[in-house]
PDB file of N, CA and C in Angstrom:
ATOM      1  N   MET A   1     -93.286  -4.055 -40.090  1.00  0.00           N
ATOM      2  CA  MET A   1     -93.537  -4.324 -38.158  1.00  0.00           C
ATOM      3  C   MET A   1     -92.240  -4.002 -36.919  1.00  0.00           C
ATOM      4  N   VAL A   2     -92.944  -3.344 -36.487  1.00  0.00           N
ATOM      5  CA  VAL A   2     -91.070  -3.031 -34.762  1.00  0.00           C
ATOM      6  C   VAL A   2     -91.841  -4.099 -34.160  1.00  0.00           C
ATOM      7  N   LEU A   3     -90.879  -4.799 -33.544  1.00  0.00           N
ATOM      8  CA  LEU A   3     -90.949  -5.853 -32.344  1.00  0.00           C
ATOM      9  C   LEU A   3     -90.230  -4.944 -31.088  1.00  0.00           C
ATOM     10  N   THR A   4     -90.919  -5.575 -30.326  1.00  0.00           N
ATOM     11  CA  THR A   4     -89.750  -5.867 -28.919  1.00  0.00           C
ATOM     12  C   THR A   4     -88.707  -6.503 -28.816  1.00  0.00           C
ATOM     13  N   THR A   5     -87.815  -6.861 -27.459  1.00  0.00           N
ATOM     14  CA  THR A   5     -86.840  -7.405 -27.582  1.00  0.00           C
ATOM     15  C   THR A   5     -87.473  -9.200 -27.542  1.00  0.00           C
ATOM     16  N   GLN A   6     -88.625  -8.933 -26.734  1.00  0.00           N
ATOM     17  CA  GLN A   6     -89.293 -10.427 -25.991  1.00  0.00           C
ATOM     18  C   GLN A   6     -89.897 -10.436 -26.963  1.00  0.00           C
ATOM     19  N   GLN A   7     -90.766 -10.392 -27.548  1.00  0.00           N
ATOM     20  CA  GLN A   7     -91.549 -10.914 -29.254  1.00  0.00           C
ATOM     21  C   GLN A   7     -90.593 -10.552 -30.139  1.00  0.00           C
ATOM     22  N   ALA A   8     -89.270 -10.105 -30.590  1.00  0.00           N
ATOM     23  CA  ALA A   8     -87.999 -10.951 -31.028  1.00  0.00           C
ATOM     24  C   ALA A   8     -87.787 -12.738 -30.826  1.00  0.00           C
ATOM     25  N   ALA A   9     -87.245 -11.866 -29.414  1.00  0.00           N
ATOM     26  CA  ALA A   9     -86.313 -12.985 -29.498  1.00  0.00           C
ATOM     27  C   ALA A   9     -87.872 -14.291 -29.116  1.00  0.00           C
ATOM     28  N   ASN A  10     -88.947 -14.488 -29.189  1.00  0.00           N
ATOM     29  CA  ASN A  10     -90.173 -15.559 -28.897  1.00  0.00           C
ATOM     30  C   ASN A  10     -89.899 -15.859 -30.128  1.00  0.00           C
ATOM     31  N   LEU A  11     -90.021 -14.642 -31.588  1.00  0.00           N
ATOM     32  CA  LEU A  11     -89.889 -14.917 -32.886  1.00  0.00           C
ATOM     33  C   LEU A  11     -88.890 -16.300 -33.574  1.00  0.00           C
ATOM     34  N   VAL A  12     -87.659 -15.649 -33.343  1.00  0.00           N
ATOM     35  CA  VAL A  12     -86.886 -16.556 -33.674  1.00  0.00           C
ATOM     36  C   VAL A  12     -85.964 -17.831 -32.236  1.00  0.00           C
ATOM     37  N   LYS A  13     -87.033 -17.972 -31.073  1.00  0.00           N
ATOM     38  CA  LYS A  13     -86.685 -19.004 -30.380  1.00  0.00           C
ATOM     39  C   LYS A  13     -85.328 -18.529 -29.864  1.00  0.00           C
ATOM     40  N   VAL A  14     -85.125 -17.260 -29.294  1.00  0.00           N
ATOM     41  CA  VAL A  14     -83.406 -16.907 -28.555  1.00  0.00           C
ATOM     42  C   VAL A  14     -83.967 -16.534 -26.827  1.00  0.00           C
ATOM     43  N   SER A  15     -83.698 -16.252 -26.337  1.00  0.00           N
ATOM     44  CA  SER A  15     -83.444 -15.939 -25.507  1.00  0.00           C
ATOM     45  C   SER A  15     -83.503 -14.344 -24.953  1.00  0.00           C
ATOM     46  N   ARG A  16     -84.293 -13.826 -24.353  1.00  0.00           N
ATOM     47  CA  ARG A  16     -84.352 -11.936 -24.782  1.00  0.00           C
ATOM     48  C   ARG A  16     -82.730 -11.506 -24.378  1.00  0.00           C
ATOM     49  N   PRO A  17     -82.483 -12.152 -23.450  1.00  0.00           N
ATOM     50  CA  PRO A  17     -80.850 -11.214 -22.869  1.00  0.00           C
ATOM     51  C   PRO A  17     -79.791 -11.609 -23.671  1.00  0.00           C
ATOM     52  N   TYR A  18     -80.062 -12.992 -24.923  1.00  0.00           N
ATOM     53  CA  TYR A  18     -79.098 -13.237 -25.787  1.00  0.00           C
ATOM     54  C   TYR A  18     -79.167 -12.285 -26.782  1.00  0.00           C
ATOM     55  N   LEU A  19     -80.686 -12.335 -26.899  1.00  0.00           N
ATOM     56  CA  LEU A  19     -80.809 -11.235 -28.407  1.00  0.00           C
ATOM     57  C   LEU A  19     -80.650  -9.169 -28.241  1.00  0.00           C
ATOM     58  N   THR A  20     -80.931  -9.580 -26.893  1.00  0.00           N
ATOM     59  CA  THR A  20     -80.571  -8.247 -26.478  1.00  0.00           C
ATOM     60  C   THR A  20     -78.871  -7.483 -26.592  1.00  0.00           C
ATOM     61  N   ALA A  21     -77.912  -9.088 -26.588  1.00  0.00           N
ATOM     62  CA  ALA A  21     -76.500  -8.821 -27.137  1.00  0.00           C
ATOM     63  C   ALA A  21     -76.262  -8.752 -27.758  1.00  0.00           C
ATOM     64  N   ARG A  22     -76.897  -9.317 -28.864  1.00  0.00           N
ATOM     65  CA  ARG A  22     -76.737  -8.993 -30.283  1.00  0.00           C
ATOM     66  C   ARG A  22     -77.403  -7.767 -30.791  1.00  0.00           C
ATOM     67  N   ILE A  23     -78.485  -7.257 -30.390  1.00  0.00           N
ATOM     68  CA  ILE A  23     -78.996  -6.072 -30.580  1.00  0.00           C
ATOM     69  C   ILE A  23     -77.603  -4.990 -30.008  1.00  0.00           C
ATOM     70  N   ASP A  24     -76.505  -4.900 -28.691  1.00  0.00           N
ATOM     71  CA  ASP A  24     -76.151  -4.271 -28.705  1.00  0.00           C
ATOM     72  C   ASP A  24     -74.374  -4.796 -29.393  1.00  0.00           C
ATOM     73  N   ALA A  25     -74.395  -5.571 -29.640  1.00  0.00           N
ATOM     74  CA  ALA A  25     -72.683  -6.208 -30.120  1.00  0.00           C
ATOM     75  C   ALA A  25     -72.997  -5.679 -31.727  1.00  0.00           C
ATOM     76  N   GLY A  26     -74.428  -5.187 -32.256  1.00  0.00           N
ATOM     77  CA  GLY A  26     -74.298  -4.253 -33.115  1.00  0.00           C
ATOM     78  C   GLY A  26     -75.056  -5.276 -34.490  1.00  0.00           C
ATOM     79  N   ASP A  27     -75.184  -6.346 -34.288  1.00  0.00           N
ATOM     80  CA  ASP A  27     -75.191  -7.662 -34.969  1.00  0.00           C
ATOM     81  C   ASP A  27     -76.639  -7.530 -35.539  1.00  0.00           C
ATOM     82  N   ILE A  28     -77.418  -7.293 -35.090  1.00  0.00           N
ATOM     83  CA  ILE A  28     -78.794  -6.800 -35.072  1.00  0.00           C
ATOM     84  C   ILE A  28     -78.880  -5.645 -34.813  1.00  0.00           C
ATOM     85  N   PRO A  29     -79.525  -4.545 -35.286  1.00  0.00           N
ATOM     86  CA  PRO A  29     -80.000  -2.677 -35.504  1.00  0.00           C
ATOM     87  C   PRO A  29     -80.768  -2.225 -34.984  1.00  0.00           C
ATOM     88  N   LEU A  30     -80.368  -2.160 -33.812  1.00  0.00           N
ATOM     89  CA  LEU A  30     -81.591  -1.378 -32.847  1.00  0.00           C
ATOM     90  C   LEU A  30     -82.531  -0.447 -33.977  1.00  0.00           C
ATOM     91  N   PHE A  31     -83.987  -0.736 -33.683  1.00  0.00           N
ATOM     92  CA  PHE A  31     -85.037   0.713 -34.508  1.00  0.00           C
ATOM     93  C   PHE A  31     -85.013   1.913 -33.809  1.00  0.00           C
ATOM     94  N   GLN A  32     -85.487   1.195 -32.568  1.00  0.00           N
ATOM     95  CA  GLN A  32     -85.631   2.864 -31.999  1.00  0.00           C
ATOM     96  C   GLN A  32     -85.051   2.427 -29.990  1.00  0.00           C
ATOM     97  N   ARG A  33     -85.778   3.537 -29.110  1.00  0.00           N
ATOM     98  CA  ARG A  33     -85.164   3.331 -28.474  1.00  0.00           C
ATOM     99  C   ARG A  33     -86.937   3.492 -27.230  1.00  0.00           C
ATOM    100  N   VAL A  34     -87.372   3.600 -26.194  1.00  0.00           N
ATOM    101  CA  VAL A  34     -89.173   3.624 -26.255  1.00  0.00           C
ATOM    102  C   VAL A  34     -88.479   3.800 -24.495  1.00  0.00           C
ATOM    103  N   GLY A  35     -87.709   4.912 -23.776  1.00  0.00           N
ATOM    104  CA  GLY A  35     -87.335   4.260 -22.366  1.00  0.00           C
ATOM    105  C   GLY A  35     -85.993   3.993 -22.574  1.00  0.00           C
ATOM    106  N   ASN A  36     -85.861   2.551 -21.227  1.00  0.00           N
ATOM    107  CA  ASN A  36     -84.605   1.906 -21.801  1.00  0.00           C
ATOM    108  C   ASN A  36     -85.249   1.015 -22.348  1.00  0.00           C
ATOM    109  N   GLN A  37     -86.336   0.656 -23.038  1.00  0.00           N
ATOM    110  CA  GLN A  37     -86.671   0.148 -24.649  1.00  0.00           C
ATOM    111  C   GLN A  37     -86.240  -0.444 -25.244  1.00  0.00           C
ATOM    112  N   ARG A  38     -85.980  -1.555 -26.309  1.00  0.00           N
ATOM    113  CA  ARG A  38     -85.425  -1.343 -27.890  1.00  0.00           C
ATOM    114  C   ARG A  38     -86.172  -1.945 -28.408  1.00  0.00           C
ATOM    115  N   ARG A  39     -85.994  -1.204 -29.778  1.00  0.00           N
ATOM    116  CA  ARG A  39     -87.491  -1.926 -30.593  1.00  0.00           C
ATOM    117  C   ARG A  39     -86.654  -2.291 -31.653  1.00  0.00           C
ATOM    118  N   ILE A  40     -87.133  -3.328 -32.382  1.00  0.00           N
ATOM    119  CA  ILE A  40     -86.520  -4.095 -33.634  1.00  0.00           C
ATOM    120  C   ILE A  40     -87.532  -4.339 -35.276  1.00  0.00           C
ATOM    121  N   LEU A  41     -87.028  -4.028 -36.114  1.00  0.00           N
ATOM    122  CA  LEU A  41     -87.473  -4.623 -37.710  1.00  0.00           C
ATOM    123  C   LEU A  41     -87.507  -5.183 -37.329  1.00  0.00           C
ATOM    124  N   LYS A  42     -88.479  -7.042 -37.933  1.00  0.00           N
ATOM    125  CA  LYS A  42     -88.744  -7.717 -38.276  1.00  0.00           C
ATOM    126  C   LYS A  42     -87.674  -7.844 -39.165  1.00  0.00           C
ATOM    127  N   SER A  43     -87.879  -7.321 -40.243  1.00  0.00           N
ATOM    128  CA  SER A  43     -87.081  -7.632 -41.592  1.00  0.00           C
ATOM    129  C   SER A  43     -85.724  -7.624 -40.911  1.00  0.00           C
ATOM    130  N   ASP A  44     -84.960  -7.010 -40.583  1.00  0.00           N
ATOM    131  CA  ASP A  44     -83.734  -6.518 -39.421  1.00  0.00           C
ATOM    132  C   ASP A  44     -83.723  -7.832 -38.756  1.00  0.00           C
ATOM    133  N   LEU A  45     -84.548  -8.643 -37.694  1.00  0.00           N
ATOM    134  CA  LEU A  45     -84.547  -9.509 -37.039  1.00  0.00           C
ATOM    135  C   LEU A  45     -84.402 -11.018 -37.883  1.00  0.00           C
ATOM    136  N   LEU A  46     -85.058 -11.083 -39.133  1.00  0.00           N
ATOM    137  CA  LEU A  46     -85.759 -12.050 -40.263  1.00  0.00           C
ATOM    138  C   LEU A  46     -84.358 -12.124 -40.928  1.00  0.00           C
ATOM    139  N   ALA A  47     -83.427 -11.264 -40.963  1.00  0.00           N
ATOM    140  CA  ALA A  47     -82.039 -11.326 -42.573  1.00  0.00           C
ATOM    141  C   ALA A  47     -81.539 -11.536 -40.809  1.00  0.00           C
ATOM    142  N   TRP A  48     -81.209 -11.510 -39.825  1.00  0.00           N
ATOM    143  CA  TRP A  48     -79.617 -11.209 -38.977  1.00  0.00           C
ATOM    144  C   TRP A  48     -80.180 -12.768 -38.595  1.00  0.00           C
ATOM    145  N   GLN A  49     -81.158 -13.630 -38.791  1.00  0.00           N
ATOM    146  CA  GLN A  49     -81.061 -15.149 -37.766  1.00  0.00           C
ATOM    147  C   GLN A  49     -80.897 -16.169 -39.352  1.00  0.00           C
ATOM    148  N   LYS A  50     -80.823 -15.356 -40.667  1.00  0.00           N
ATOM    149  CA  LYS A  50     -80.895 -15.567 -41.843  1.00  0.00           C
ATOM    150  C   LYS A  50     -79.178 -16.197 -41.903  1.00  0.00           C
ATOM    151  N   ARG A  51     -77.965 -14.806 -41.879  1.00  0.00           N
ATOM    152  CA  ARG A  51     -77.173 -14.794 -41.532  1.00  0.00           C
ATOM    153  C   ARG A  51     -76.791 -15.754 -40.591  1.00  0.00           C
ATOM    154  N   SER A  52     -77.289 -15.792 -39.675  1.00  0.00           N
ATOM    155  CA  SER A  52     -76.855 -16.702 -38.355  1.00  0.00           C
ATOM    156  C   SER A  52     -76.489 -17.617 -38.338  1.00  0.00           C
ATOM    157  N   ARG A  53     -77.616 -18.212 -39.715  1.00  0.00           N
ATOM    158  CA  ARG A  53     -77.969 -20.108 -39.973  1.00  0.00           C
ATOM    159  C   ARG A  53     -76.680 -19.883 -40.734  1.00  0.00           C
ATOM    160  N   ARG A  54     -77.087 -19.001 -42.040  1.00  0.00           N
ATOM    161  CA  ARG A  54     -75.425 -19.363 -43.151  1.00  0.00           C
ATOM    162  C   ARG A  54     -74.141 -19.718 -41.934  1.00  0.00           C
ATOM    163  N   GLN A  55     -73.798 -19.537 -40.986  1.00  0.00           N
ATOM    164  CA  GLN A  55     -72.786 -18.674 -39.870  1.00  0.00           C
ATOM    165  C   GLN A  55     -72.383 -20.406 -39.799  1.00  0.00           C
ATOM    166  N   GLN A  56     -73.600 -20.652 -39.175  1.00  0.00           N
ATOM    167  CA  GLN A  56     -73.843 -21.996 -38.134  1.00  0.00           C
ATOM    168  C   GLN A  56     -73.193 -23.257 -39.303  1.00  0.00           C
ATOM    169  N   LEU A  57     -74.304 -23.184 -40.116  1.00  0.00           N
ATOM    170  CA  LEU A  57     -74.253 -24.545 -41.555  1.00  0.00           C
ATOM    171  C   LEU A  57     -72.397 -24.405 -41.741  1.00  0.00           C
ATOM    172  N   GLU A  58     -71.902 -23.284 -41.970  1.00  0.00           N
ATOM    173  CA  GLU A  58     -70.640 -23.668 -42.481  1.00  0.00           C
ATOM    174  C   GLU A  58     -69.751 -23.938 -41.263  1.00  0.00           C
ATOM    175  N   ALA A  59     -69.879 -23.396 -40.677  1.00  0.00           N
ATOM    176  CA  ALA A  59     -69.123 -23.852 -39.462  1.00  0.00           C
ATOM    177  C   ALA A  59     -69.046 -25.407 -39.194  1.00  0.00           C
ATOM    178  N   LEU A  60     -70.268 -26.377 -39.807  1.00  0.00           N
ATOM    179  CA  LEU A  60     -70.731 -27.599 -39.563  1.00  0.00           C
ATOM    180  C   LEU A  60     -69.727 -28.115 -40.260  1.00  0.00           C
ATOM    181  N   LYS A  61     -69.800 -27.909 -41.127  1.00  0.00           N
ATOM    182  CA  LYS A  61     -69.126 -27.772 -42.987  1.00  0.00           C
ATOM    183  C   LYS A  61     -67.810 -27.935 -42.508  1.00  0.00           C
ATOM    184  N   GLN A  62     -67.221 -27.098 -41.680  1.00  0.00           N
ATOM    185  CA  GLN A  62     -65.865 -26.646 -41.690  1.00  0.00           C
ATOM    186  C   GLN A  62     -65.268 -28.489 -40.829  1.00  0.00           C
ATOM    187  N   LEU A  63     -66.483 -27.698 -39.759  1.00  0.00           N
ATOM    188  CA  LEU A  63     -66.053 -29.705 -38.427  1.00  0.00           C
ATOM    189  C   LEU A  63     -65.810 -30.386 -39.205  1.00  0.00           C
ATOM    190  N   GLY A  64     -66.657 -30.524 -40.188  1.00  0.00           N
ATOM    191  CA  GLY A  64     -66.533 -32.391 -40.374  1.00  0.00           C
ATOM    192  C   GLY A  64     -65.504 -32.202 -41.316  1.00  0.00           C
ATOM    193  N   GLN A  65     -65.138 -31.626 -42.004  1.00  0.00           N
ATOM    194  CA  GLN A  65     -64.309 -31.857 -42.716  1.00  0.00           C
ATOM    195  C   GLN A  65     -62.887 -31.774 -42.125  1.00  0.00           C
ATOM    196  N   SER A  66     -62.620 -31.422 -41.077  1.00  0.00           N
ATOM    197  CA  SER A  66     -61.677 -32.004 -40.668  1.00  0.00           C
ATOM    198  C   SER A  66     -61.248 -33.201 -39.381  1.00  0.00           C
ATOM    199  N   VAL A  67     -63.026 -33.401 -38.806  1.00  0.00           N
ATOM    200  CA  VAL A  67     -63.037 -34.938 -38.652  1.00  0.00           C
ATOM    201  C   VAL A  67     -62.479 -35.583 -39.568  1.00  0.00           C
ATOM    202  N   THR A  68     -63.202 -35.743 -41.258  1.00  0.00           N
ATOM    203  CA  THR A  68     -62.910 -36.796 -41.931  1.00  0.00           C
ATOM    204  C   THR A  68     -61.343 -36.739 -42.511  1.00  0.00           C
ATOM    205  N   GLU A  69     -60.457 -36.059 -41.901  1.00  0.00           N
ATOM    206  CA  GLU A  69     -59.368 -35.363 -43.029  1.00  0.00           C
ATOM    207  C   GLU A  69     -58.601 -36.208 -41.573  1.00  0.00           C
ATOM    208  N   GLU A  70     -58.647 -35.721 -40.132  1.00  0.00           N
ATOM    209  CA  GLU A  70     -58.011 -36.208 -39.399  1.00  0.00           C
ATOM    210  C   GLU A  70     -58.946 -38.010 -38.903  1.00  0.00           C
ATOM    211  N   TYR A  71     -59.901 -38.648 -39.944  1.00  0.00           N
ATOM    212  CA  TYR A  71     -60.327 -39.748 -39.354  1.00  0.00           C
ATOM    213  C   TYR A  71     -59.621 -40.589 -40.668  1.00  0.00           C
ATOM    214  N   GLU A  72     -59.190 -39.964 -41.941  1.00  0.00           N
ATOM    215  CA  GLU A  72     -58.595 -40.412 -43.068  1.00  0.00           C
ATOM    216  C   GLU A  72     -56.944 -40.410 -42.411  1.00  0.00           C
ATOM    217  N   ALA A  73     -56.352 -39.725 -42.290  1.00  0.00           N
ATOM    218  CA  ALA A  73     -55.203 -39.832 -41.532  1.00  0.00           C
ATOM    219  C   ALA A  73     -55.129 -40.607 -40.883  1.00  0.00           C
ATOM    220  N   VAL A  74     -55.636 -41.298 -39.603  1.00  0.00           N
ATOM    221  CA  VAL A  74     -55.378 -41.627 -38.466  1.00  0.00           C
ATOM    222  C   VAL A  74     -54.866 -43.371 -39.183  1.00  0.00           C
ATOM    223  N   ASP A  75     -53.607 -44.014 -38.527  1.00  0.00           N
ATOM    224  CA  ASP A  75     -53.327 -45.631 -39.500  1.00  0.00           C
ATOM    225  C   ASP A  75     -54.109 -46.150 -38.889  1.00  0.00           C
ATOM    226  N   LEU A  76     -54.832 -46.941 -39.656  1.00  0.00           N
ATOM    227  CA  LEU A  76     -55.923 -48.243 -39.112  1.00  0.00           C
ATOM    228  C   LEU A  76     -54.983 -49.875 -38.951  1.00  0.00           C
TER     229      LEU A  76
END
């Protein structure tokens, strides 16, 4: 299924400018351009969302470990 940037942004609950920035950065593959409008595949969008969530979860885990290590290092 081919989506406009607005449809895609609504689907993954991000702003359209953020989504277009991710497309321009190459994080989400551009399927085609229609004039100056971008189109992407739903499957590519969902794959990006899954990767992005995995990266966020990993960052949170690392942050949690850092906080725990700092807390344990504090002499109470």
